Protein backbone atom coordinates (compact mmCIF):
# COMPACT_ATOMS: atom_id res chain seq x y z
CA MET A 1 -120.40 -0.80 76.15
CA ARG A 2 -120.47 0.68 79.44
CA ILE A 3 -122.09 -2.53 82.24
CA LYS A 4 -123.32 -0.80 85.67
CA ARG A 5 -121.77 -3.11 88.59
CA TYR A 6 -123.88 -3.98 91.63
CA SER A 7 -125.22 -1.07 93.45
CA LEU A 8 -126.13 -0.93 97.15
CA SER A 9 -129.66 0.68 96.71
CA LEU A 10 -132.17 0.50 94.71
CA LEU A 11 -132.68 3.14 95.08
CA SER A 12 -129.65 4.71 92.57
CA LEU A 13 -131.63 2.83 89.36
CA VAL A 14 -135.02 4.36 89.76
CA LEU A 15 -133.59 6.78 86.63
CA GLY A 16 -133.80 5.54 83.94
CA LEU A 17 -135.39 2.52 84.86
CA LEU A 18 -139.21 1.15 86.02
CA VAL A 19 -137.76 -1.94 88.20
CA ILE A 20 -136.53 -24.46 88.24
CA VAL A 21 -137.53 -24.69 89.14
CA SER A 22 -136.71 -25.97 86.57
CA GLY A 23 -137.79 -29.49 85.91
CA CYS A 24 -135.26 -31.54 87.93
CA SER A 25 -134.99 -34.91 89.44
CA ASP A 26 -133.22 -35.51 92.74
CA THR A 27 -132.54 -32.11 92.75
CA SER A 28 -135.74 -29.76 93.65
CA VAL A 29 -139.69 -30.28 92.56
CA GLU A 30 -140.88 -28.33 89.85
CA ILE A 31 -142.60 -25.86 90.89
CA ASN A 32 -146.85 -25.83 88.89
CA ASN A 33 -146.82 -21.91 87.27
CA SER A 34 -150.04 -20.92 86.36
CA GLY A 35 -149.48 -19.08 83.85
CA GLY A 36 -150.70 -16.03 84.41
CA ASP A 37 -150.49 -12.45 83.60
CA ASP A 38 -149.06 -8.99 84.86
CA GLY A 39 -151.70 -6.77 84.47
CA ASP A 40 -151.10 -3.44 82.51
CA LEU A 41 -147.62 -4.94 81.92
CA PRO A 42 -146.82 -6.70 78.58
CA PHE A 43 -144.26 -8.81 80.36
CA ASP A 44 -145.34 -12.50 82.32
CA HIS A 45 -142.98 -12.79 85.04
CA ARG A 46 -144.95 -15.86 85.62
CA LYS A 47 -144.01 -18.38 82.80
CA ALA A 48 -141.69 -21.11 83.92
CA ALA A 49 -138.02 -21.08 83.94
CA GLY A 50 -136.10 -20.91 80.24
CA LYS A 51 -139.89 -19.73 78.08
CA SER A 52 -137.94 -16.47 78.43
CA SER A 53 -134.72 -17.27 77.51
CA GLU A 54 -134.51 -15.42 73.83
CA ALA A 55 -135.51 -11.84 75.62
CA PHE A 56 -132.57 -12.66 77.54
CA LEU A 57 -130.12 -13.28 75.16
CA ARG A 58 -130.97 -11.16 72.13
CA ALA A 59 -130.61 -7.50 72.01
CA GLU A 60 -133.09 -6.91 69.74
CA ASP A 61 -136.41 -5.88 72.54
CA TYR A 62 -134.53 -5.55 76.00
CA ASN A 63 -131.02 -3.69 75.48
CA ASN A 64 -130.38 -3.69 79.41
CA LEU A 65 -131.06 -6.20 82.39
CA LEU A 66 -131.00 -5.12 85.28
CA VAL A 67 -131.52 -8.44 88.58
CA GLU A 68 -132.94 -6.92 91.60
CA LEU A 69 -131.57 -8.98 94.64
CA ASP A 70 -133.99 -9.23 97.72
CA TYR A 71 -132.14 -11.31 100.71
CA VAL A 72 -133.70 -11.96 104.63
CA GLU A 73 -131.65 -10.67 107.00
CA SER A 74 -128.06 -11.86 107.45
CA GLN A 75 -128.44 -13.68 104.35
CA GLN A 76 -126.80 -11.13 101.66
CA PRO A 77 -124.41 -13.15 98.97
CA THR A 78 -120.63 -12.04 98.76
CA ALA A 79 -119.32 -9.19 96.65
CA ARG A 80 -116.81 -11.72 94.77
CA ALA A 81 -120.14 -13.82 93.81
CA LEU A 82 -121.72 -11.10 92.51
CA ASP A 83 -119.42 -10.23 90.57
CA SER A 84 -118.48 -13.84 89.94
CA LEU A 85 -122.25 -13.58 88.15
CA GLN A 86 -122.10 -10.81 86.57
CA SER A 87 -119.02 -11.71 84.81
CA MET A 88 -121.04 -14.72 83.27
CA LEU A 89 -123.67 -12.21 82.17
CA GLU A 90 -121.34 -9.63 80.43
CA ALA A 91 -119.74 -13.47 78.52
CA ARG A 92 -122.94 -14.86 77.18
CA LEU A 93 -125.99 -12.09 76.93
CA HIS A 94 -126.43 -9.39 74.28
CA LYS A 95 -127.19 -7.15 76.08
CA PRO A 96 -125.29 -3.65 74.85
CA GLY A 97 -127.04 -1.13 77.29
CA ASN A 98 -126.50 -1.60 80.88
CA ILE A 99 -126.39 -5.24 82.83
CA THR A 100 -127.05 -4.46 86.42
CA ILE A 101 -127.00 -6.49 89.80
CA SER A 102 -129.20 -3.97 92.65
CA VAL A 103 -128.75 -5.58 96.24
CA SER A 104 -131.16 -4.05 98.14
CA SER A 105 -129.99 -1.75 100.70
CA GLU A 106 -132.41 -3.11 103.70
CA PRO A 107 -133.33 -6.81 104.55
CA ILE A 108 -136.70 -7.97 103.61
CA GLY A 109 -137.05 -9.91 107.00
CA ALA A 110 -135.85 -10.92 110.00
CA GLY A 111 -135.92 -14.95 108.86
CA GLY A 112 -135.80 -17.34 111.19
CA GLN A 113 -137.87 -19.74 108.72
CA GLY A 114 -137.18 -23.25 108.42
CA THR A 115 -138.69 -24.89 105.66
CA TYR A 116 -140.03 -23.20 102.99
CA THR A 117 -142.17 -24.22 99.97
CA SER A 118 -142.43 -23.25 96.50
CA ALA A 119 -145.26 -21.72 97.71
CA ASP A 120 -143.65 -19.16 100.48
CA ILE A 121 -141.31 -18.62 97.75
CA ARG A 122 -143.76 -16.74 94.95
CA SER A 123 -145.51 -15.44 98.05
CA LEU A 124 -141.86 -13.56 98.93
CA GLU A 125 -141.62 -12.34 95.55
CA ASP A 126 -144.92 -10.48 95.58
CA ALA A 127 -144.52 -8.72 98.49
CA HIS A 128 -141.05 -7.46 97.63
CA ARG A 129 -140.28 -7.01 94.28
CA ASN A 130 -139.87 -3.79 93.39
CA HIS A 131 -138.97 -3.75 89.22
CA TYR A 132 -140.57 -5.31 86.10
CA THR A 133 -139.55 -5.26 82.31
CA SER A 134 -140.04 -2.03 80.93
CA GLY A 135 -139.41 -0.38 77.59
CA ASP A 136 -135.94 -2.03 76.73
CA THR A 137 -135.04 -3.18 80.56
CA LEU A 138 -135.99 -6.32 81.41
CA THR A 139 -135.74 -7.64 85.40
CA ALA A 140 -134.75 -10.74 86.56
CA TYR A 141 -135.53 -11.94 90.35
CA LEU A 142 -132.80 -13.06 93.43
CA LEU A 143 -134.20 -14.06 96.30
CA PHE A 144 -131.29 -14.94 99.34
CA LEU A 145 -133.16 -17.19 102.18
CA ASP A 146 -132.55 -18.80 105.20
CA GLY A 147 -133.65 -22.25 106.39
CA SER A 148 -134.22 -25.09 104.22
CA PHE A 149 -136.15 -25.28 100.73
CA GLN A 150 -138.78 -28.31 100.88
CA GLU A 151 -136.31 -30.39 99.55
CA GLU A 152 -133.85 -30.01 101.61
CA ASN A 153 -130.33 -30.67 99.86
CA VAL A 154 -131.55 -28.62 97.42
CA ILE A 155 -130.05 -25.32 97.59
CA GLY A 156 -130.97 -22.89 94.94
CA LEU A 157 -133.96 -22.58 92.34
CA ALA A 158 -135.22 -21.15 89.87
CA TYR A 159 -138.72 -20.65 89.58
CA TYR A 160 -140.44 -18.91 87.03
CA ASN A 161 -138.83 -17.46 83.82
CA THR A 162 -137.36 -14.31 85.78
CA SER A 163 -137.62 -15.74 88.93
CA MET A 164 -134.30 -17.77 91.06
CA ALA A 165 -133.95 -18.01 95.12
CA ILE A 166 -130.53 -19.42 97.09
CA MET A 167 -130.79 -20.74 100.40
CA GLU A 168 -127.93 -18.84 101.31
CA GLU A 169 -127.51 -20.22 104.56
CA LYS A 170 -127.20 -23.78 103.27
CA ILE A 171 -124.60 -22.13 101.17
CA LYS A 172 -122.84 -21.04 105.08
CA GLU A 173 -123.57 -24.43 106.58
CA SER A 174 -121.13 -25.97 103.57
CA SER A 175 -118.86 -23.66 103.25
CA GLY A 176 -115.77 -22.20 105.18
CA GLY A 177 -114.92 -24.92 107.68
CA ILE A 178 -111.97 -26.73 107.31
CA SER A 179 -111.39 -28.08 104.67
CA GLN A 180 -115.16 -26.74 102.89
CA PRO A 181 -114.89 -24.57 100.09
CA PRO A 182 -114.91 -19.91 100.82
CA ARG A 183 -118.30 -19.26 100.62
CA TYR A 184 -118.39 -16.94 97.33
CA LYS A 185 -117.49 -19.74 95.48
CA ILE A 186 -120.18 -21.80 96.28
CA GLU A 187 -122.48 -18.84 96.34
CA ALA A 188 -121.16 -17.86 92.24
CA THR A 189 -121.44 -21.78 91.57
CA VAL A 190 -125.32 -22.01 91.96
CA LEU A 191 -126.03 -18.54 90.57
CA ARG A 192 -125.18 -19.10 87.91
CA HIS A 193 -126.36 -22.06 87.62
CA GLU A 194 -129.64 -20.96 88.05
CA PHE A 195 -129.25 -18.10 86.15
CA GLY A 196 -128.77 -21.25 82.97
CA HIS A 197 -132.15 -22.52 83.98
CA VAL A 198 -133.44 -18.69 83.05
CA LEU A 199 -131.94 -19.03 79.69
CA GLY A 200 -133.38 -22.59 78.99
CA LEU A 201 -130.33 -24.20 79.44
CA VAL A 202 -130.60 -27.63 79.35
CA ALA A 203 -133.98 -27.84 76.39
CA ASN A 204 -135.89 -26.05 78.53
CA GLY A 205 -136.60 -23.42 76.08
CA THR A 206 -133.41 -22.50 74.50
CA PRO A 207 -132.87 -25.52 71.63
CA MET A 208 -130.15 -28.50 71.88
CA GLN A 209 -127.66 -28.47 68.86
CA THR A 210 -127.03 -31.60 69.91
CA SER A 211 -128.16 -34.06 72.15
CA HIS A 212 -126.73 -33.86 76.00
CA LYS A 213 -129.44 -33.33 77.94
CA THR A 214 -130.04 -35.73 80.87
CA ASP A 215 -132.54 -37.69 81.23
CA GLY A 216 -135.91 -36.82 83.58
CA SER A 217 -133.67 -33.29 84.05
CA HIS A 218 -133.08 -30.34 82.26
CA HIS A 219 -129.57 -30.82 83.07
CA CYS A 220 -126.18 -31.23 81.20
CA THR A 221 -124.93 -35.00 80.85
CA THR A 222 -121.65 -33.28 80.29
CA GLU A 223 -119.09 -34.54 83.40
CA ASP A 224 -117.32 -31.04 84.27
CA CYS A 225 -120.24 -28.34 83.18
CA LEU A 226 -121.79 -26.11 85.55
CA MET A 227 -125.32 -27.44 83.90
CA ARG A 228 -124.97 -30.46 85.57
CA PRO A 229 -127.88 -32.30 87.20
CA SER A 230 -125.90 -31.94 90.75
CA VAL A 231 -124.89 -28.56 91.34
CA GLU A 232 -127.34 -27.45 92.66
CA THR A 233 -127.23 -29.66 95.66
CA THR A 234 -125.33 -29.88 98.75
CA ASP A 235 -123.75 -33.49 98.50
CA PHE A 236 -121.99 -31.77 95.21
CA PHE A 237 -120.07 -29.62 97.44
CA ALA A 238 -120.32 -31.50 100.09
CA ASN A 239 -118.28 -34.58 97.66
CA VAL A 240 -117.08 -33.64 94.33
CA PHE A 241 -116.28 -29.90 93.96
CA ASP A 242 -112.70 -28.48 94.36
CA GLY A 243 -112.90 -25.29 94.81
CA THR A 244 -112.69 -24.21 90.89
CA ILE A 245 -116.59 -22.50 89.49
CA PRO A 246 -117.58 -24.51 86.31
CA ASP A 247 -117.64 -23.34 83.02
CA LEU A 248 -120.66 -23.92 80.67
CA GLY A 249 -119.42 -27.00 78.33
CA GLY A 250 -119.22 -26.01 74.70
CA ARG A 251 -122.35 -28.14 74.15
CA CYS A 252 -124.54 -25.30 76.80
CA VAL A 253 -122.57 -22.30 74.94
CA ALA A 254 -123.66 -23.35 71.19
CA ASP A 255 -126.91 -24.19 72.95
CA LEU A 256 -127.06 -20.07 73.62
CA GLN A 257 -125.45 -19.21 70.79
CA TYR A 258 -127.45 -20.75 68.66
CA TYR A 259 -130.72 -18.74 70.52
CA GLY A 260 -128.79 -15.31 69.94
CA GLY A 261 -126.19 -15.45 72.81
CA LYS A 262 -123.66 -15.23 73.20
């Protein structure tokens, strides 16, 4: 299987490719998704996070995955974090064609916004997303922002079935200093966690094989699992994170495998 690594230009992908909040208790707020539609496009990119998990996990309908990544000025993620995300996707998704993370060659704006609401994030995607699911290529969208989300301690959210946002400035504030973890490790952890929600974890599109869902949110009860509820907050990285990027626990892996993943 030939896997393409992330590129620094969306233009390099034009040939052959046309392009939670999951319910969290104290970590984020629900974005009200209207359902919507994509006009003439056959794939609905406006469902709730986790509702297209089968399309990500299986190869029957979509042989390739393209992850489009936009960022505001000075908030581009590290290459090591993207490598870590790609490794997780390769390990868990049946995509025998290509898995590609494509980073925009230019920022989408200068940033400077203090706080982003759910509506702000949706509007930015509407204005800047270039690639949508077409043919045998499924697409996802990542948006790296400055400032804070409307719930200040939240640093990552999956807000549509293919869309995620990362508060990169908050990650920078939590990393790189004395006794703080390296920036790329926080980025990688949050990226993997939010993609886990897009993959339907926990019990949010991908059925559980054994009970391991937290009360009131779509997170895992297993103590060291990537999908435990605190992972997408600044509190976790300030007080709990030991510098080791968490893996999915066995129960989460079993859910993904049952539903068509690896």
